[in-house]
Amino acid sequence: MDQASPQCMDDDSSLSAHQQDEHLPKVVLHFSVVPGATLTWRVGADSTLSVQGARLWLTRVNSPYDHWLEPGNAFRLQRGERVWLSTDSESTARVSLSCALRARRGLVRRWLARLAWLGLGAPAAR
C-alpha cells in the first residue's frame, strides 16, 4: 500500500470558496415559515438556505426570478442581498440558514486598546 487511493487525493488547487468554507466552523440558524407569513431580511454573510417540511417561495430584490424550493433543496445567498420567504403549503416550512464563521481580524489590537482604556496596559519592562 505505497499509493494513496484516488478518493483521498486532494491536489485540486482550484477549490471554490464554498469548498474552502467547509473547513471553518459554521453557524446554523433554524427557523420556521408558517403558512400565510412572509419573512424578509438582508443577508449578513454568504450563506446556504436549506428547506425541509414544505415547499418554500424565495425571491431576491435584484433578481427577475422567483424560486420555488422543494424540501431537501438548498440555495446559496450572497451577503447584502434582501430576500423574502413564504410558503404556499398548508404546512410549515422548516428552514436552516448556515454560514461559515469567519476569523475576526484585529482581535488582539481591540483587546490591547480595551486594556489601555481600562488603564491595564502591557506591563512595563523592569
Protein backbone atom coordinates (compact mmCIF):
# COMPACT_ATOMS: atom_id res chain seq x y z
CA MET A 1 0.00 0.00 0.00
CA ASP A 2 2.51 2.54 -1.18
CA GLN A 3 -0.05 4.61 -3.06
CA ALA A 4 -2.98 6.64 -1.82
CA SER A 5 -6.43 5.90 -3.08
CA PRO A 6 -7.68 8.40 -5.70
CA GLN A 7 -10.59 9.24 -3.37
CA CYS A 8 -8.12 10.53 -0.78
CA MET A 9 -6.14 12.68 -3.17
CA ASP A 10 -6.80 16.41 -2.82
CA ASP A 11 -4.44 18.04 -5.26
CA ASP A 12 -7.08 20.26 -6.89
CA SER A 13 -5.72 23.75 -6.23
CA SER A 14 -8.78 25.42 -7.77
CA LEU A 15 -11.13 24.88 -4.83
CA SER A 16 -14.12 27.16 -4.78
CA ALA A 17 -14.82 29.48 -1.86
CA HIS A 18 -17.67 27.20 -0.82
CA GLN A 19 -15.34 24.20 -0.52
CA GLN A 20 -12.79 26.27 1.40
CA ASP A 21 -15.50 27.39 3.85
CA GLU A 22 -16.17 23.74 4.74
CA HIS A 23 -13.06 23.79 6.92
CA LEU A 24 -14.27 26.73 9.01
CA PRO A 25 -16.69 26.48 11.94
CA LYS A 26 -20.30 27.07 10.88
CA VAL A 27 -23.17 29.00 12.37
CA VAL A 28 -26.57 27.42 11.67
CA LEU A 29 -29.87 29.18 12.32
CA HIS A 30 -33.09 27.13 12.25
CA PHE A 31 -36.49 28.77 11.87
CA SER A 32 -39.98 28.05 10.54
CA VAL A 33 -42.08 29.77 7.92
CA VAL A 34 -45.73 29.30 8.83
CA PRO A 35 -48.48 29.35 6.19
CA GLY A 36 -49.63 32.88 5.39
CA ALA A 37 -46.46 34.54 6.72
CA THR A 38 -43.80 36.29 4.65
CA LEU A 39 -40.34 36.78 6.15
CA THR A 40 -37.78 39.26 4.85
CA TRP A 41 -34.26 40.25 5.83
CA ARG A 42 -30.96 41.46 4.42
CA VAL A 43 -28.39 38.64 4.30
CA GLY A 44 -25.47 39.41 6.65
CA ALA A 45 -22.97 36.85 5.31
CA ASP A 46 -22.67 34.47 2.36
CA SER A 47 -24.83 31.55 3.41
CA THR A 48 -26.77 28.48 2.35
CA LEU A 49 -30.51 28.21 2.88
CA SER A 50 -31.89 24.65 3.18
CA VAL A 51 -35.58 23.70 3.16
CA GLN A 52 -37.46 20.89 4.91
CA GLY A 53 -41.14 20.21 5.52
CA ALA A 54 -42.95 22.21 2.84
CA ARG A 55 -42.23 23.93 -0.46
CA LEU A 56 -40.78 27.43 0.02
CA TRP A 57 -41.03 30.52 -2.17
CA LEU A 58 -37.88 32.68 -2.27
CA THR A 59 -37.37 35.95 -4.09
CA ARG A 60 -34.46 38.38 -4.11
CA VAL A 61 -34.55 42.14 -4.61
CA ASN A 62 -32.40 42.38 -7.77
CA SER A 63 -33.44 39.10 -9.36
CA PRO A 64 -36.18 38.92 -12.00
CA TYR A 65 -36.88 35.31 -10.92
CA ASP A 66 -38.80 33.75 -8.07
CA HIS A 67 -37.54 30.41 -6.79
CA TRP A 68 -39.66 27.51 -5.53
CA LEU A 69 -37.56 25.32 -3.28
CA GLU A 70 -38.77 21.81 -2.63
CA PRO A 71 -37.97 20.05 0.68
CA GLY A 72 -34.35 18.92 0.54
CA ASN A 73 -33.26 21.78 -1.75
CA ALA A 74 -30.53 24.25 -0.86
CA PHE A 75 -29.96 27.76 -2.21
CA ARG A 76 -26.83 29.96 -1.94
CA LEU A 77 -27.40 33.53 -0.73
CA GLN A 78 -24.89 36.34 -1.03
CA ARG A 79 -24.06 38.89 1.62
CA GLY A 80 -26.04 42.12 1.28
CA GLU A 81 -28.98 40.88 -0.78
CA ARG A 82 -32.54 41.23 0.52
CA VAL A 83 -34.69 38.10 0.40
CA TRP A 84 -38.35 37.24 1.01
CA LEU A 85 -39.60 33.79 2.05
CA SER A 86 -43.09 32.37 2.14
CA THR A 87 -44.86 29.05 1.64
CA ASP A 88 -47.92 28.12 -0.39
CA SER A 89 -48.50 24.96 1.58
CA GLU A 90 -50.83 24.44 4.49
CA SER A 91 -47.93 23.02 6.49
CA THR A 92 -44.93 24.80 7.98
CA ALA A 93 -41.64 25.00 6.10
CA ARG A 94 -38.56 24.41 8.24
CA VAL A 95 -35.55 26.42 7.10
CA SER A 96 -31.86 26.20 8.02
CA LEU A 97 -29.55 29.09 7.23
CA SER A 98 -25.85 28.24 7.58
CA CYS A 99 -22.72 30.31 7.07
CA ALA A 100 -19.04 29.93 7.83
CA LEU A 101 -17.81 31.63 10.99
CA ARG A 102 -15.06 33.98 9.87
CA ALA A 103 -11.97 34.68 11.92
CA ARG A 104 -12.16 38.21 13.23
CA ARG A 105 -9.28 40.41 12.26
CA GLY A 106 -7.72 42.76 14.73
CA LEU A 107 -8.84 40.84 17.82
CA VAL A 108 -5.51 41.35 19.59
CA ARG A 109 -5.48 45.04 18.69
CA ARG A 110 -9.00 45.52 20.09
CA TRP A 111 -8.09 43.75 23.34
CA LEU A 112 -4.95 45.85 23.76
CA ALA A 113 -6.97 49.02 23.16
CA ARG A 114 -9.54 47.89 25.71
CA LEU A 115 -6.81 47.14 28.26
CA ALA A 116 -5.22 50.55 27.64
CA TRP A 117 -8.63 52.22 28.08
CA LEU A 118 -9.03 50.43 31.41
CA GLY A 119 -5.55 51.51 32.44
CA LEU A 120 -4.32 47.93 32.40
CA GLY A 121 -1.85 48.28 29.54
CA ALA A 122 1.02 45.91 28.90
CA PRO A 123 3.37 45.52 31.88
CA ALA A 124 6.38 47.81 31.87
CA ALA A 125 9.84 46.32 31.43
CA ARG A 126 11.91 46.20 34.65
